[in-house]
Amino acid sequence: MSDDGAGLPPHPPSGNGEVDNSALTYHPAVLARLAVEHAPMALVVLDAQGRVLWANPGFLELVGAAEEVLVNKPLTDKVRMVSWLPIPNQRNAESVSQQWQRIWLASEGIESPKIVLMAEVSPESAPAGVARMLAFVDLRAGQAGELPPTADPHTGLASQWVFEDRMRHAMDRADRHDQCLAVLLIRLDRAEDVRQVYGEPVMQTLLPQISRRLMGTLRTEDSVAYLGDDHWGVLIEHPVSPESLQAAALRCLEAMEAPFKQGRPPLLLTLSIGIAMYPDDGNSTEQLMANAGQALSRASPASHVFHDRSIKRMLSQRMALRSCLQEALLFPDRHFVVVYQPQVDLASGCCVGVEALVRWRHPQRGVLQPVDFLPLVAEMAQMVRLDRWVIEQVIAQHQRWQSEGALSADLRISINLDASLLEPSAFDGRPLDRFLRGMADDLGWLSLEVDGWVLSEQVEGHSLLLRRLARMGVQLVADKLGGGHLDLVRLAMLPIARGKIERELVHGLTDSSAFARQALGALSQCLTALQIDSIVVGVETAEQLKVAQQKGVDQVQGNLLGSPMAACELAVWLGRLPGLKVLPKP
């Protein structure tokens, strides 16, 4: 549409055939179109997913792109904007969505980033599909060759531009490695009160001090940036969990406990923190920052809030579980119990052994399986304490079976150990073999199961200890085979007696799962070639048992044959199960 009014409806003629300008009335839609297409600002309309629905010529010229390149595509695929999320201005009562903010804008169509003003509007009566409209005003021309700042001049921290760039690269890494990351958006509480009482110069001296405390609190690999308007951003990469993020947030809050000696009396300042996790809380830098901002808006002074409200409830439950578990570990005899699950030899049909499994008798939740509490025990660095108690219980039980002359005394008993028990000083400065030798003279009935991946990766570090255990008659079992990378050649260098194929592979043994059947057969053949017996766990159906027999597996374990049971129940099970005998250990 040209500036001379071409394309507008004709003026209504007067009675003498001339155009009567006084009676001229244009259609509102035409006037609206004329306004938006020739407005002295750039406009773009987006849907809820951030895709471009429409852009006026001013915006196309601003970013140097054709309309067909932008429409129906995510705006952030073509245009980069630092400070997309307006940092809430505590000194301004206006809504964030109504504020103009200075940003750096870059795209493939322009030579260098531009400084522009941007405002975001969320129209209440917009047509279906329209979520936001962005308006831009080019602040100044002739910016060629000018680059965004890489550091904030007041705090010395990374600038917003650098922070966003680090976020984009971190997201790419997280996607490649199937990991998570998180953003902490931090706000200085009562900043406006400090300005009013002490003045802006005092605030400018406080900001670097707060920045230094945050830098000293967080890990060196965490990225910290000052985002302006008394806000900081923190980027935390792998490893990331709700627990670790909560710990990081609490450290940041604790870093403010010491007073700042900028006034009389010294100032006590606090922070508020909003936390968002990638990819759960957003799959782009814009969404992640926006959701961290939403979480921050719900945070009260000196507190932290997750964007996902359920995380706080989950953390509260885990903290209660952790406290209860800590008490249980201090008094294991009151809270834990050992049960035994049979292991059957497929060739003879005899029960050749049992695996000792630990259960936690939780006061409110009842008996808990290992998957429900062992990860937390490991997180608390208490696996040595719990495994030591299990070993003591199993040895004492075997001695009782021997004194009673029970059939179960001839069974080999397997105990699953955490790899940390292989460290030389795990048992009060004693290696594992010396600890076991102090517990019993005859250990020819004992098998120790250790993660096969750990064994294959640490051949040099633990080979001497494992050989000493083998000379004592203790069998070594490589656990959790079939679930990931495993160096069988390195594993063959160790005195391994059995390889235990994990339940995830066994549960895939159906007629429609050719891959699982082939993988089981290949793994069984490899173990046979290395003269290592194979045992599969988690056998729940007759079909799984049949496949295990067909693929040459030596032993099986699972609820189909016998569920985990107490020591007294095992004696009854062995005595009454038809067709099943106890095969004396070699």
Protein backbone atom coordinates (compact mmCIF):
# COMPACT_ATOMS: atom_id res chain seq x y z
CA MET A 1 0.00 0.00 0.00
CA SER A 2 1.49 3.37 -1.06
CA ASP A 3 1.53 6.59 0.95
CA ASP A 4 -0.86 8.40 -1.43
CA GLY A 5 -3.84 6.34 -0.31
CA ALA A 6 -3.88 3.81 -3.15
CA GLY A 7 -5.99 0.83 -2.24
CA LEU A 8 -8.44 2.85 -0.10
CA PRO A 9 -12.14 2.83 -0.96
CA PRO A 10 -13.28 5.71 -3.20
CA HIS A 11 -14.66 8.86 -1.67
CA PRO A 12 -18.44 9.03 -1.86
CA PRO A 13 -19.49 11.55 -4.58
CA SER A 14 -21.57 14.62 -3.82
CA GLY A 15 -24.68 15.58 -5.65
CA ASN A 16 -22.76 17.57 -8.30
CA GLY A 17 -20.43 14.66 -9.05
CA GLU A 18 -17.51 15.90 -6.98
CA VAL A 19 -15.98 14.11 -4.06
CA ASP A 20 -17.25 15.34 -0.72
CA ASN A 21 -14.27 15.14 1.67
CA SER A 22 -16.37 16.33 4.57
CA ALA A 23 -18.47 13.20 4.38
CA LEU A 24 -15.52 10.87 3.91
CA THR A 25 -15.65 7.77 6.21
CA TYR A 26 -13.14 4.93 5.81
CA HIS A 27 -13.74 1.41 7.05
CA PRO A 28 -12.04 0.87 10.48
CA ALA A 29 -10.27 -2.27 9.25
CA VAL A 30 -8.69 -0.29 6.42
CA LEU A 31 -7.54 2.42 8.78
CA ALA A 32 -6.13 -0.18 11.19
CA ARG A 33 -4.21 -1.86 8.40
CA LEU A 34 -2.84 1.47 7.24
CA ALA A 35 -1.71 2.25 10.79
CA VAL A 36 0.09 -1.03 11.50
CA GLU A 37 1.77 -1.29 8.13
CA HIS A 38 3.14 2.24 8.24
CA ALA A 39 3.62 2.68 11.97
CA PRO A 40 7.01 4.16 12.95
CA MET A 41 7.84 0.96 14.85
CA ALA A 42 8.35 -2.73 14.11
CA LEU A 43 5.53 -5.08 15.06
CA VAL A 44 5.33 -8.88 15.15
CA VAL A 45 2.52 -11.17 16.36
CA LEU A 46 3.27 -14.60 17.88
CA ASP A 47 1.27 -17.64 18.88
CA ALA A 48 1.56 -19.51 22.18
CA GLN A 49 4.53 -21.51 20.86
CA GLY A 50 6.42 -18.39 19.81
CA ARG A 51 5.77 -18.85 16.08
CA VAL A 52 5.39 -15.76 13.90
CA LEU A 53 1.81 -15.20 12.72
CA TRP A 54 2.33 -11.77 11.14
CA ALA A 55 4.99 -9.06 10.91
CA ASN A 56 4.71 -5.53 9.55
CA PRO A 57 7.20 -4.13 7.00
CA GLY A 58 8.99 -2.25 9.78
CA PHE A 59 9.89 -5.49 11.53
CA LEU A 60 10.95 -7.22 8.31
CA GLU A 61 13.27 -4.29 7.60
CA LEU A 62 14.56 -4.26 11.19
CA VAL A 63 15.67 -7.91 11.09
CA GLY A 64 16.51 -8.01 7.38
CA ALA A 65 14.26 -10.96 6.57
CA ALA A 66 11.51 -11.69 4.08
CA GLU A 67 8.00 -12.41 5.30
CA GLU A 68 7.99 -15.99 4.00
CA VAL A 69 11.17 -16.72 5.98
CA LEU A 70 9.56 -15.75 9.29
CA VAL A 71 5.88 -16.65 9.13
CA ASN A 72 4.87 -19.96 10.78
CA LYS A 73 8.36 -20.41 12.20
CA PRO A 74 9.59 -19.86 15.80
CA LEU A 75 10.84 -16.30 16.06
CA THR A 76 13.89 -17.40 18.07
CA ASP A 77 15.02 -19.59 15.15
CA LYS A 78 15.69 -16.44 13.11
CA VAL A 79 16.13 -13.67 15.66
CA ARG A 80 18.16 -13.54 18.86
CA MET A 81 17.21 -11.15 21.63
CA VAL A 82 19.03 -10.63 24.90
CA SER A 83 16.73 -9.69 27.80
CA TRP A 84 13.67 -11.30 26.24
CA LEU A 85 12.36 -11.66 29.78
CA PRO A 86 11.86 -8.20 31.29
CA ILE A 87 13.43 -8.12 34.74
CA PRO A 88 10.63 -6.90 37.04
CA ASN A 89 11.30 -3.31 38.03
CA GLN A 90 10.63 -2.88 41.73
CA ARG A 91 10.60 0.88 41.27
CA ASN A 92 7.87 0.84 38.67
CA ALA A 93 4.28 -0.08 39.42
CA GLU A 94 3.51 -0.89 35.80
CA SER A 95 2.98 -4.46 34.71
CA VAL A 96 6.02 -6.19 33.29
CA SER A 97 4.18 -6.80 30.01
CA GLN A 98 3.71 -3.03 29.56
CA GLN A 99 7.34 -1.99 30.11
CA TRP A 100 9.76 -1.02 27.41
CA GLN A 101 13.16 -2.60 27.83
CA ARG A 102 16.46 -2.12 26.07
CA ILE A 103 17.66 -5.23 24.33
CA TRP A 104 20.26 -6.38 21.84
CA LEU A 105 18.71 -7.83 18.70
CA ALA A 106 20.58 -9.95 16.16
CA SER A 107 19.65 -11.98 13.08
CA GLU A 108 21.23 -13.40 9.97
CA GLY A 109 19.83 -10.50 7.93
CA ILE A 110 21.74 -7.74 9.72
CA GLU A 111 25.48 -7.27 9.93
CA SER A 112 25.76 -6.66 13.66
CA PRO A 113 23.47 -6.59 16.73
CA LYS A 114 21.25 -3.55 17.21
CA ILE A 115 20.17 -1.79 20.35
CA VAL A 116 16.37 -1.52 20.32
CA LEU A 117 13.50 -0.91 22.70
CA MET A 118 11.00 -3.75 22.96
CA ALA A 119 7.59 -3.98 24.61
CA GLU A 120 5.45 -7.08 24.88
CA VAL A 121 1.65 -7.00 24.90
CA SER A 122 -0.73 -9.88 25.56
CA PRO A 123 -4.03 -8.68 24.05
CA GLU A 124 -7.06 -9.76 26.05
CA SER A 125 -9.45 -9.78 23.06
CA ALA A 126 -7.02 -11.13 20.47
CA PRO A 127 -8.18 -13.55 17.77
CA ALA A 128 -7.82 -17.26 18.43
CA GLY A 129 -4.21 -18.37 18.23
CA VAL A 130 -2.69 -14.95 18.98
CA ALA A 131 -0.73 -14.97 22.23
CA ARG A 132 1.63 -11.99 22.13
CA MET A 133 2.52 -8.91 20.13
CA LEU A 134 6.02 -7.45 20.27
CA ALA A 135 6.77 -3.84 19.39
CA PHE A 136 10.29 -2.59 18.60
CA VAL A 137 11.78 0.87 18.26
CA ASP A 138 15.28 1.24 16.80
CA LEU A 139 17.12 3.47 19.27
CA ARG A 140 19.84 4.72 16.98
CA ALA A 141 21.25 4.06 13.56
CA GLY A 142 24.83 3.57 12.45
CA GLN A 143 25.69 0.83 14.93
CA ALA A 144 27.71 -1.27 12.49
CA GLY A 145 30.66 -2.95 14.16
CA GLU A 146 29.33 -2.36 17.67
CA LEU A 147 29.11 -5.52 19.82
CA PRO A 148 27.10 -6.24 22.94
CA PRO A 149 29.00 -5.97 26.23
CA THR A 150 30.49 -9.20 27.54
CA ALA A 151 30.62 -8.12 31.19
CA ASP A 152 28.53 -5.98 33.48
CA PRO A 153 30.54 -2.84 34.34
CA HIS A 154 29.32 -2.65 37.96
CA THR A 155 29.72 -6.26 39.13
CA GLY A 156 32.29 -7.66 36.70
CA LEU A 157 30.05 -10.68 36.08
CA ALA A 158 29.09 -11.99 32.66
CA SER A 159 26.58 -9.85 30.81
CA GLN A 160 23.09 -10.88 29.80
CA TRP A 161 24.32 -11.47 26.26
CA VAL A 162 26.98 -13.93 27.45
CA PHE A 163 24.55 -15.59 29.86
CA GLU A 164 22.03 -16.29 27.12
CA ASP A 165 24.76 -17.61 24.84
CA ARG A 166 25.95 -19.97 27.58
CA MET A 167 22.39 -21.15 28.10
CA ARG A 168 22.01 -22.03 24.42
CA HIS A 169 25.26 -24.01 24.37
CA ALA A 170 24.37 -25.72 27.66
CA MET A 171 21.01 -26.80 26.22
CA ASP A 172 22.75 -28.28 23.19
CA ARG A 173 25.08 -30.26 25.48
CA ALA A 174 22.16 -31.40 27.62
CA ASP A 175 20.32 -32.64 24.54
CA ARG A 176 23.34 -34.57 23.27
CA HIS A 177 23.94 -36.30 26.59
CA ASP A 178 20.27 -36.64 27.63
CA GLN A 179 20.86 -34.53 30.74
CA CYS A 180 19.17 -31.68 32.56
CA LEU A 181 20.18 -28.16 33.49
CA ALA A 182 18.61 -25.42 35.56
CA VAL A 183 18.39 -21.66 35.83
CA LEU A 184 18.23 -19.81 39.15
CA LEU A 185 16.81 -16.29 38.87
CA ILE A 186 17.88 -14.36 41.97
CA ARG A 187 16.41 -11.08 43.23
CA LEU A 188 17.70 -8.76 45.95
CA ASP A 189 14.88 -8.23 48.43
CA ARG A 190 13.88 -4.69 49.52
CA ALA A 191 16.32 -3.14 47.05
CA GLU A 192 14.14 -0.04 46.65
CA ASP A 193 14.10 0.51 50.41
CA VAL A 194 17.89 0.42 50.48
CA ARG A 195 18.04 2.97 47.67
CA GLN A 196 15.65 5.32 49.38
CA VAL A 197 17.39 5.16 52.75
CA TYR A 198 21.06 4.97 51.73
CA GLY A 199 21.09 6.26 48.18
CA GLU A 200 22.13 4.88 44.81
CA PRO A 201 25.92 5.15 45.51
CA VAL A 202 25.59 2.69 48.41
CA MET A 203 23.60 0.31 46.22
CA GLN A 204 26.31 0.44 43.56
CA THR A 205 28.86 -0.69 46.18
CA LEU A 206 26.57 -3.47 47.45
CA LEU A 207 25.97 -5.10 44.06
CA PRO A 208 29.63 -6.19 43.57
CA GLN A 209 29.75 -7.54 47.13
CA ILE A 210 26.62 -9.61 46.63
CA SER A 211 28.02 -10.87 43.32
CA ARG A 212 31.25 -11.95 44.99
CA ARG A 213 29.34 -13.84 47.68
CA LEU A 214 27.33 -15.69 45.05
CA MET A 215 30.46 -16.54 43.09
CA GLY A 216 32.14 -17.83 46.24
CA THR A 217 29.12 -19.96 47.15
CA LEU A 218 28.46 -21.67 43.81
CA ARG A 219 30.65 -24.16 41.98
CA THR A 220 33.35 -22.86 39.64
CA GLU A 221 31.59 -24.56 36.70
CA ASP A 222 28.32 -22.70 37.37
CA SER A 223 27.72 -19.57 35.28
CA VAL A 224 26.69 -16.42 37.14
CA ALA A 225 25.57 -13.21 35.43
CA TYR A 226 24.18 -9.88 36.57
CA LEU A 227 20.96 -9.27 34.65
CA GLY A 228 20.34 -5.73 35.80
CA ASP A 229 17.74 -4.19 38.10
CA ASP A 230 19.06 -6.07 41.17
CA HIS A 231 18.68 -9.52 39.56
CA TRP A 232 21.21 -12.27 38.95
CA GLY A 233 21.05 -15.38 36.81
CA VAL A 234 22.77 -18.68 37.60
CA LEU A 235 23.14 -21.52 35.09
CA ILE A 236 23.73 -24.96 36.63
CA GLU A 237 24.58 -27.94 34.44
CA HIS A 238 24.92 -31.68 35.06
CA PRO A 239 24.61 -33.17 37.59
CA VAL A 240 21.23 -31.58 38.30
CA SER A 241 18.51 -32.85 40.63
CA PRO A 242 15.86 -31.14 42.75
CA GLU A 243 17.95 -31.93 45.82
CA SER A 244 21.14 -30.43 44.41
CA LEU A 245 19.30 -27.32 43.21
CA GLN A 246 17.70 -26.85 46.60
CA ALA A 247 21.11 -27.19 48.21
CA ALA A 248 22.56 -24.58 45.83
CA ALA A 249 19.67 -22.19 46.54
CA LEU A 250 20.08 -22.61 50.30
CA ARG A 251 23.81 -21.89 50.02
CA CYS A 252 23.03 -18.67 48.15
CA LEU A 253 20.56 -17.63 50.84
CA GLU A 254 23.04 -18.50 53.60
CA ALA A 255 25.74 -16.42 51.88
CA MET A 256 23.72 -13.31 52.78
CA GLU A 257 23.61 -14.01 56.50
CA ALA A 258 26.74 -11.98 57.29
CA PRO A 259 25.92 -8.24 57.49
CA PHE A 260 27.12 -5.77 54.87
CA LYS A 261 29.13 -2.95 56.45
CA GLN A 262 27.83 -0.19 54.21
CA GLY A 263 25.74 1.64 56.73
CA ARG A 264 25.25 2.31 60.39
CA PRO A 265 24.14 -0.14 61.64
CA PRO A 266 25.41 -2.77 59.15
CA LEU A 267 22.90 -3.90 56.56
CA LEU A 268 21.19 -7.28 56.67
CA LEU A 269 20.10 -8.24 53.16
CA THR A 270 18.24 -11.25 51.77
CA LEU A 271 17.63 -12.83 48.39
CA SER A 272 14.70 -14.58 46.73
CA ILE A 273 15.24 -17.31 44.14
CA GLY A 274 13.10 -18.78 41.36
CA ILE A 275 14.20 -22.10 39.85
CA ALA A 276 13.33 -23.62 36.46
CA MET A 277 14.67 -26.88 35.03
CA TYR A 278 15.38 -27.79 31.42
CA PRO A 279 13.68 -29.45 29.61
CA ASP A 280 10.76 -29.99 32.01
CA ASP A 281 10.05 -26.28 32.58
CA GLY A 282 10.86 -25.01 29.09
CA ASN A 283 12.65 -26.08 25.92
CA SER A 284 14.11 -22.69 25.01
CA THR A 285 16.05 -19.96 26.76
CA GLU A 286 13.03 -17.71 26.61
CA GLN A 287 10.65 -20.23 28.18
CA LEU A 288 13.16 -21.26 30.81
CA MET A 289 13.85 -17.68 31.89
CA ALA A 290 10.17 -16.80 31.80
CA ASN A 291 9.27 -19.77 34.01
CA ALA A 292 12.11 -18.99 36.41
CA GLY A 293 10.63 -15.49 36.58
CA GLN A 294 7.20 -16.91 37.35
CA ALA A 295 8.67 -18.99 40.15
CA LEU A 296 10.49 -15.91 41.49
CA SER A 297 7.24 -13.95 41.53
CA ARG A 298 5.85 -16.50 44.02
CA ALA A 299 8.91 -16.42 46.27
CA SER A 300 8.76 -14.53 49.56
CA PRO A 301 11.89 -12.79 50.91
CA ALA A 302 14.75 -15.15 51.82
CA SER A 303 13.17 -18.15 50.13
CA HIS A 304 13.39 -20.23 46.97
CA VAL A 305 10.57 -21.54 44.78
CA PHE A 306 10.55 -24.12 41.97
CA HIS A 307 8.47 -23.44 38.87
CA ASP A 308 7.04 -26.95 39.19
CA ARG A 309 5.03 -26.68 42.39
CA SER A 310 5.08 -30.45 42.90
CA ILE A 311 8.87 -30.44 43.39
CA LYS A 312 8.62 -28.69 46.74
CA ARG A 313 6.14 -31.30 47.96
CA MET A 314 8.37 -34.09 46.64
CA LEU A 315 11.43 -32.58 48.35
CA SER A 316 9.52 -32.29 51.61
CA GLN A 317 8.59 -35.96 51.38
CA ARG A 318 12.18 -36.91 50.56
CA MET A 319 13.49 -34.89 53.48
CA ALA A 320 11.09 -36.71 55.80
CA LEU A 321 12.16 -40.04 54.28
CA ARG A 322 15.82 -39.07 54.65
CA SER A 323 15.35 -38.21 58.32
CA CYS A 324 13.58 -41.50 58.97
CA LEU A 325 16.22 -43.43 57.04
CA GLN A 326 19.00 -41.79 59.02
CA GLU A 327 17.49 -43.10 62.24
CA ALA A 328 17.05 -46.55 60.69
CA LEU A 329 20.73 -46.68 59.68
CA LEU A 330 21.77 -45.84 63.24
CA PHE A 331 19.72 -48.77 64.59
CA PRO A 332 19.52 -51.24 61.68
CA ASP A 333 18.41 -54.22 63.79
CA ARG A 334 15.15 -52.40 64.56
CA HIS A 335 14.35 -51.28 61.03
CA PHE A 336 15.87 -53.61 58.41
CA VAL A 337 15.35 -57.27 57.62
CA VAL A 338 17.09 -59.70 55.27
CA VAL A 339 15.06 -61.98 53.00
CA TYR A 340 16.25 -64.74 50.66
CA GLN A 341 15.23 -65.52 47.07
CA PRO A 342 16.01 -68.94 45.55
CA GLN A 343 18.28 -69.45 42.55
CA VAL A 344 17.58 -72.56 40.47
CA ASP A 345 19.92 -74.48 38.16
CA LEU A 346 18.10 -75.13 34.86
CA ALA A 347 20.03 -78.28 33.95
CA SER A 348 19.32 -80.16 37.19
CA GLY A 349 16.20 -78.37 38.42
CA CYS A 350 17.85 -77.98 41.82
CA CYS A 351 18.01 -74.96 44.08
CA VAL A 352 21.71 -74.08 44.13
CA GLY A 353 21.64 -70.86 46.10
CA VAL A 354 19.78 -67.82 47.34
CA GLU A 355 20.29 -64.09 47.11
CA ALA A 356 20.14 -62.12 50.34
CA LEU A 357 18.00 -59.00 49.86
CA VAL A 358 17.48 -56.17 52.33
CA ARG A 359 14.08 -54.69 53.15
CA TRP A 360 13.24 -51.60 55.21
CA ARG A 361 10.30 -51.80 57.59
CA HIS A 362 9.16 -48.20 57.39
CA PRO A 363 6.98 -47.14 60.35
CA GLN A 364 4.29 -45.56 58.13
CA ARG A 365 4.76 -46.97 54.62
CA GLY A 366 5.32 -50.60 55.53
CA VAL A 367 8.00 -52.82 53.97
CA LEU A 368 9.97 -50.93 51.29
CA GLN A 369 11.87 -52.50 48.40
CA PRO A 370 15.58 -51.65 47.84
CA VAL A 371 14.73 -49.40 44.86
CA ASP A 372 12.72 -47.20 47.23
CA PHE A 373 15.58 -46.40 49.61
CA LEU A 374 18.99 -47.63 48.42
CA PRO A 375 19.56 -44.60 46.10
CA LEU A 376 19.01 -42.35 49.10
CA VAL A 377 21.36 -44.47 51.21
CA ALA A 378 24.02 -44.03 48.52
CA GLU A 379 23.34 -40.29 48.38
CA MET A 380 23.90 -40.16 52.14
CA ALA A 381 27.20 -42.07 51.67
CA GLN A 382 26.00 -44.83 54.02
CA MET A 383 26.17 -47.87 51.75
CA VAL A 384 29.17 -49.25 53.63
CA ARG A 385 27.24 -49.10 56.91
CA LEU A 386 24.19 -50.88 55.47
CA ASP A 387 26.13 -53.49 53.48
CA ARG A 388 28.27 -54.28 56.50
CA TRP A 389 25.12 -54.93 58.54
CA VAL A 390 23.73 -57.19 55.79
CA ILE A 391 26.98 -59.19 55.66
CA GLU A 392 26.89 -59.65 59.43
CA GLN A 393 23.27 -60.82 59.33
CA VAL A 394 23.89 -63.29 56.50
CA ILE A 395 26.96 -64.82 58.15
CA ALA A 396 25.10 -65.19 61.44
CA GLN A 397 22.14 -66.81 59.65
CA HIS A 398 24.40 -69.27 57.81
CA GLN A 399 25.97 -70.26 61.10
CA ARG A 400 22.51 -70.93 62.57
CA TRP A 401 21.57 -73.08 59.57
CA GLN A 402 24.76 -75.07 60.03
CA SER A 403 24.15 -75.64 63.74
CA GLU A 404 20.57 -76.77 62.97
CA GLY A 405 21.67 -79.09 60.16
CA ALA A 406 19.18 -77.39 57.85
CA LEU A 407 19.04 -78.01 54.08
CA SER A 408 19.64 -74.30 53.54
CA ALA A 409 23.13 -74.67 55.05
CA ASP A 410 24.24 -76.24 51.73
CA LEU A 411 23.08 -73.27 49.67
CA ARG A 412 25.39 -70.65 48.27
CA ILE A 413 24.32 -67.19 49.47
CA SER A 414 24.83 -64.11 47.30
CA ILE A 415 25.07 -60.59 48.67
CA ASN A 416 24.89 -57.53 46.43
CA LEU A 417 27.57 -55.03 47.43
CA ASP A 418 28.10 -51.40 46.53
CA ALA A 419 31.38 -50.81 44.71
CA SER A 420 32.54 -48.51 47.52
CA LEU A 421 33.14 -51.60 49.66
CA LEU A 422 36.04 -52.56 47.41
CA GLU A 423 38.02 -49.55 48.59
CA PRO A 424 40.95 -50.52 50.86
CA SER A 425 39.74 -48.51 53.88
CA ALA A 426 36.00 -49.13 53.60
CA PHE A 427 35.73 -51.17 56.82
CA ASP A 428 37.32 -48.95 59.46
CA GLY A 429 40.64 -49.00 57.68
CA ARG A 430 40.47 -52.71 56.79
CA PRO A 431 40.05 -54.13 53.30
CA LEU A 432 37.03 -56.32 52.59
CA ASP A 433 38.88 -59.65 52.77
CA ARG A 434 40.25 -58.90 56.25
CA PHE A 435 36.79 -57.86 57.44
CA LEU A 436 35.27 -61.13 56.17
CA ARG A 437 38.07 -63.24 57.62
CA GLY A 438 37.34 -61.73 61.02
CA MET A 439 33.68 -62.74 60.69
CA ALA A 440 34.04 -66.43 59.73
CA ASP A 441 36.69 -69.04 58.93
CA ASP A 442 34.81 -70.87 56.15
CA LEU A 443 33.44 -68.60 53.42
CA GLY A 444 33.19 -71.16 50.62
CA TRP A 445 29.40 -70.68 50.60
CA LEU A 446 29.51 -66.90 50.02
CA SER A 447 29.10 -65.02 46.73
CA LEU A 448 29.57 -61.27 46.37
CA GLU A 449 27.77 -59.42 43.57
CA VAL A 450 29.28 -56.17 42.24
CA ASP A 451 28.18 -54.06 39.29
CA GLY A 452 29.84 -55.58 36.21
CA TRP A 453 30.52 -52.18 34.64
CA VAL A 454 32.39 -51.06 37.76
CA LEU A 455 34.44 -54.26 37.80
CA SER A 456 35.42 -53.96 34.13
CA GLU A 457 36.37 -50.29 34.51
CA GLN A 458 38.47 -50.79 37.65
CA VAL A 459 40.42 -53.94 36.87
CA GLU A 460 43.76 -52.52 37.97
CA GLY A 461 42.42 -50.90 41.14
CA HIS A 462 40.69 -53.94 42.63
CA SER A 463 42.20 -57.00 40.97
CA LEU A 464 44.43 -57.89 43.93
CA LEU A 465 41.57 -57.66 46.43
CA LEU A 466 39.28 -59.74 44.20
CA ARG A 467 41.93 -62.45 43.81
CA ARG A 468 42.44 -62.60 47.57
CA LEU A 469 38.70 -63.05 48.00
CA ALA A 470 38.68 -65.83 45.39
CA ARG A 471 41.47 -67.64 47.24
CA MET A 472 39.29 -67.54 50.37
CA GLY A 473 36.59 -69.46 48.45
CA VAL A 474 34.35 -66.42 47.93
CA GLN A 475 32.70 -66.42 44.50
CA LEU A 476 32.54 -63.15 42.58
CA VAL A 477 29.47 -62.27 40.51
CA ALA A 478 29.37 -59.53 37.87
CA ASP A 479 25.95 -57.94 38.36
CA LYS A 480 23.66 -55.94 36.01
CA LEU A 481 24.94 -57.32 32.72
CA GLY A 482 23.06 -56.42 29.55
CA GLY A 483 22.06 -52.89 30.43
CA GLY A 484 24.91 -50.86 28.97
CA HIS A 485 28.54 -50.76 27.92
CA LEU A 486 30.62 -53.64 29.25
CA ASP A 487 34.19 -54.63 28.47
CA LEU A 488 34.02 -58.44 28.59
CA VAL A 489 37.72 -58.79 27.83
CA ARG A 490 38.66 -56.73 30.86
CA LEU A 491 36.07 -58.61 32.90
CA ALA A 492 37.68 -61.92 31.91
CA MET A 493 40.92 -60.76 33.56
CA LEU A 494 39.20 -61.02 36.95
CA PRO A 495 38.25 -64.19 38.89
CA ILE A 496 34.56 -63.90 38.03
CA ALA A 497 32.48 -67.06 38.62
CA ARG A 498 29.06 -65.86 37.41
CA GLY A 499 27.50 -63.13 35.35
CA LYS A 500 24.08 -61.86 36.36
CA ILE A 501 21.83 -60.64 33.52
CA GLU A 502 19.59 -57.80 34.70
CA ARG A 503 15.83 -57.95 34.86
CA GLU A 504 15.22 -55.19 32.29
CA LEU A 505 16.52 -57.46 29.53
CA VAL A 506 14.59 -60.44 30.90
CA HIS A 507 11.31 -58.51 30.96
CA GLY A 508 11.68 -57.92 27.23
CA LEU A 509 11.61 -61.65 26.50
CA THR A 510 8.39 -61.95 24.54
CA ASP A 511 7.54 -63.42 21.16
CA SER A 512 7.41 -59.93 19.67
CA SER A 513 10.79 -58.86 21.05
CA ALA A 514 13.38 -60.49 18.84
CA PHE A 515 16.08 -58.08 19.96
CA ALA A 516 15.86 -59.04 23.64
CA ARG A 517 15.95 -62.74 22.76
CA GLN A 518 18.98 -62.27 20.51
CA ALA A 519 20.75 -60.11 23.08
CA LEU A 520 20.18 -62.71 25.80
CA GLY A 521 21.49 -65.49 23.58
CA ALA A 522 24.59 -63.51 22.57
CA LEU A 523 25.38 -62.52 26.15
CA SER A 524 24.92 -66.10 27.36
CA GLN A 525 27.28 -67.40 24.66
CA CYS A 526 29.91 -64.79 25.54
CA LEU A 527 29.83 -65.74 29.21
CA THR A 528 30.05 -69.44 28.34
CA ALA A 529 33.07 -68.76 26.15
CA LEU A 530 34.74 -66.99 29.08
CA GLN A 531 33.87 -69.96 31.35
CA ILE A 532 31.53 -67.78 33.41
CA ASP A 533 28.17 -69.19 34.48
CA SER A 534 25.12 -67.09 33.62
CA ILE A 535 22.10 -66.33 35.77
CA VAL A 536 19.08 -64.26 34.85
CA VAL A 537 16.92 -62.45 37.41
CA GLY A 538 13.36 -61.23 37.31
CA VAL A 539 11.85 -64.35 35.74
CA GLU A 540 8.13 -63.79 36.24
CA THR A 541 6.45 -65.84 33.49
CA ALA A 542 6.68 -69.32 31.98
CA GLU A 543 7.56 -67.74 28.64
CA GLN A 544 10.58 -65.97 30.10
CA LEU A 545 11.71 -69.21 31.73
CA LYS A 546 11.33 -71.05 28.42
CA VAL A 547 13.41 -68.49 26.52
CA ALA A 548 16.12 -68.59 29.20
CA GLN A 549 16.34 -72.38 28.77
CA GLN A 550 16.48 -72.07 24.98
CA LYS A 551 19.28 -69.49 25.11
CA GLY A 552 21.55 -71.63 27.27
CA VAL A 553 21.28 -69.73 30.53
CA ASP A 554 22.66 -71.72 33.49
CA GLN A 555 20.56 -70.43 36.40
CA VAL A 556 17.39 -68.40 36.94
CA GLN A 557 15.94 -66.33 39.75
CA GLY A 558 12.50 -64.76 39.98
CA ASN A 559 9.08 -64.82 41.56
CA LEU A 560 7.94 -67.57 39.17
CA LEU A 561 10.20 -69.99 41.02
CA GLY A 562 10.22 -68.42 44.46
CA SER A 563 9.65 -64.94 45.86
CA PRO A 564 11.94 -63.40 48.50
CA MET A 565 11.17 -64.94 51.89
CA ALA A 566 12.34 -64.91 55.49
CA ALA A 567 14.91 -67.49 56.62
CA CYS A 568 12.30 -69.63 58.42
CA GLU A 569 10.04 -69.61 55.33
CA LEU A 570 12.92 -70.72 53.12
CA ALA A 571 13.36 -73.93 55.12
CA VAL A 572 9.67 -74.75 54.64
CA TRP A 573 9.83 -73.89 50.92
CA LEU A 574 12.82 -76.18 50.38
CA GLY A 575 11.11 -79.03 52.19
CA ARG A 576 7.77 -79.07 50.43
CA LEU A 577 8.44 -77.92 46.86
CA PRO A 578 7.86 -81.01 44.68
CA GLY A 579 10.59 -82.02 42.27
CA LEU A 580 13.08 -79.50 43.62
CA LYS A 581 16.16 -80.59 45.54
CA VAL A 582 19.05 -78.77 47.13
CA LEU A 583 22.20 -79.27 45.11
CA PRO A 584 25.21 -79.21 47.42
CA LYS A 585 27.69 -76.51 46.58
CA PRO A 586 30.84 -77.75 44.83
